[in-house]
Each structure stands twice: as C-alpha cells, then as structure tokens.
C-alpha cells in the first residue's frame, strides 16, 4: 500500500479545481505567439557595385561630408555611408551604432530623404536609414525620433520606383521593431498605400517587400486594431491564390497567421475570405518555410469556437495534418500537434473526426519518441481528448497506448510537461472511476498505470517543489489508488530521536 505524506509546508488538495471539466480546460489551450518570421532585414550591397567594402577608419569624417557645400559631394558621402551600413560582416552592428551615434548624422539623412529634387541622394539616404532602422531597438528609435517615419509613409507613393521600394523596406523594419511604432504607422494609413501598390502589379522585388511590410503591420503584441488590418485580408487571399513566388507565399501566410491570432471576429473574417482551402493545400507543400506559417494560421483558426473549428475541418484539414506528423522537421511536427490539440479541445464529434482520420496513433508515436517540445504538444492532444471526450473515446485512447507514453513523461523535470501528463492521466482515471461506480468493478485504468511504473512515478512526485504538482499527485493517489495518509507532523512525535522522513516523501507499506 502506498502512503501519502502530508506536511504543513504544502498546500491542501484542491479537489474541486481538479474536477473542473472542459470549460476551464479551455483556459489552458494555448494560442502561442511564436515569432519565427524575420522582423527586420538589412539591405546589403548590390551585385554590380564591385568588390567587398572594408570598414571605414574615419566614419566621423565621412559623416562630415554629408554637410559638404555641393550636391555632388553630398551624394558621394551618402553612397559611401550607405555602403558602410551594408557591409556583410560581423562588425555591421558596431558600424550601425557608430554611425547612428554621431550627432547630426540621422537628421541630415532625413533632410536628404525629404528632398525629391535630388532623387539619387534621396534613394541613398533612404537605403542608409533603412539599414540603421534594421539595427537595435535604440537604432530604430533614433530614426523615428528624427522624423523619418512620416516622410517614409509619404514616399511609399513616390513616382520613383527605387525610392518607393526603399521606403516600404524602411516601413517594414520600423513596424517590426515594436507595437508602438507599428500602430503609429497604421494610423498614417500606410496599409492602404501598400494595398494600392500590391494591386498595381509591381515587379517581384517591390511585391516581396510590400507583402513583408504588410505582414509586419499585422504582427506583434498587443495585436493591432482589427480595423487597420482587416483590409489586408482580400489582398492576402488573392496573393495566395495567384502568386507562386515562395517569399510572397511565406509572408502572406505569416500575415494571415497574425490576423487570425485573436478573438472570434478575426477568425470569422479569415474564414469569410475563403482562404482556408488554399492554406490547407499549402500544408502539403514540401517547403517547411511555407508549411509552418500556413500551419500556424490553420492552428489559430481552430482555436476559435466550435463552429469555426468545424468549418476548418469541413475544408479537409485532417488528412494534411496526418501527413505533417511524419515531417522530418521538429518544428512542423510540434505545430501539427498543437493544431490537433486545438481540435481535440472541441466537441466530441470533432474529437471523433480526429480519431477517424487516424491521427491518434501517430500522435502517440510522437509522444513516445519525439523531441521534448513535440512531446509536450502531443500530450496536449491526449489531455484535451480525455478531458472532453466520451467514455468510449477515452477507452480508445487507452487502447492506442497513451498510458505508458504519458507515464514516461513523468520522468521529465519540465514542470509544464509534468502538469499536462498528470492532468491527462487524471482525466483518464476520472472516466475509469465513473465506470467503477457504475459497474462496481475496479477502475480499469489503474492497473495499466501500475504495470508501466506510472504509480511509482506519481508517488515520487510528492517530493516535487512545485505545489500545484504536489497537490495534483496527492489528489490522484487518494482518489484512484489504495493509499494510507500520513501526517508528517504527527509522525515526528514518535520518532524518538530518529531523523524524520524528508518533507513530502512517501513510503511503500
């Protein structure tokens, strides 16, 4: 017989909390804000500009030339400065800092940016400022504080193709720095300007930069006001349907993932754009850089309400998810398990759809043999299905071998992994306990846990430093296993000089 040891330093068992079902579990069904897309990018040297540029030994002197009396010298100084900011070396960050820190440098470049009478100098200044803004948050702040942002917002509609593209690039870098700058840009009606450029059929370089900047305007936390980003939806849907360029597809999918990461009205708008079938089609592309953002968008959509989740299922999302579970890329497998876990958080009908699609077997395989982060998401699939599923569905999970896989996770040190594995086992045991009370037979799921060493691991977790884990394991031992409770404080009275058991340990009778 196992013994549960209780001491005064541990919190009491909150049985009611552990009995909460599907509604409260939804709080734990994550919508993660993983940022995998490039926030900022620096424009490097053009291929036709000759050999490699070495760092300049006299940057202050070069900056001083920006104030030369002739436009020719000003242009040459701006070009040389821009080349310094485009060096493809580890020292590029220090060069950006060195240039940005020289008093008067950035304001002078902004002066050139405002002067449309010198288009080449204007373009070179835009390029230089873009690369400064690609640096640290402080570098970006310096550019904004110098008044460059409203100038760039206006130059997006410049008649000069080079200046227009460079301005969009700068806008993308500044928007990618922080939500404050992103919202400032959106308030300048820049999204509509970018939409206009995309609709005009630009060259591929300009199109790529425009879509990347658009995605940065949709990203970030807190999320932007929906009224600012909603106009991008039909444009993004159209790009996914007609464009085959990989970069455009990647950034369009990221933008959709950002827009869909929010309340149900955003999910509704994405569903109404009829983009879901194309997103599902992109899941089967053998290009992980496309698969991941498409998967993120789909995963966000199925975190919506049950009707929204069903709409995505009706579009045929489950077979591609089966395919993605076999991906050699851990990131893809992790995102796939996350998306499936959001579906198993739905109705019993939706849980059954996951079962019917043959996804549970591969998920349990991931639970047994994948990387830790993949295992964690796979455990959420089982936990959610066990929490909201029918007794028949929980029996199916057990028959598929989920119990040994979950018990194996109890050896990990990661508190979140332990919590989700314990909650999954607790949900399974609840169903078994209900069957025991109905039939009078033993809980059918206790013995499988004992046989694979799960009960020993649960008992050992009484020593865990995290109170929530201690509380959960004590509750499980008391409810489902034959245990004897010992109060450490009472036991100490009878030790007669012997060392007491460590706080929270257990013994086997």
Foldseek 3Di string as FASTA:
>chain_A
DWAFEAEDVFDAFPVVVLPDFLVVCLVVLDLDQDDDDDQADADADDPPPDDADDADPCLVVLLVQCPPPDPVSVLVSLQVLLNLCRHPDPCNQVSLVVQLPDPPRLLSLLVQCQDVVPVSSNLSSLNNLSSQLRYALVSVVSNVVSPNLVSLLVQCPPPDPSSNLSSLNSLSSSLSSAVVSLQVSLVSVSLVSLLVVCVVPDPPSSNLSSLSSLLSSQAHPPGDDLVSNLVCQLVLLVCLVPPDDPSNLLSSLSSLLSQLQDAPVSLVSNVVSVNLLSLLVQCPDPPVSNNLSSLSNLLSQLLYAQVSVVSSVVSPNQLSLQVQLPDPDLSSLLSSLSSLLSQLSYAQVSLVVNVVSVNLLSLLVCLADNDPSSVLSSLSNLLSNLRHYDLVSLVVSVVSPNLLSLLVQLVDPDPSSNVSSLSSLSSSQVSLVVVCVVPVDASPVPVVCVVSVSLVSLLACLPPPDSVSVSSSVVCCVPHHDYHYDHQVVVVVPCVPPDGDPHRHMDDD
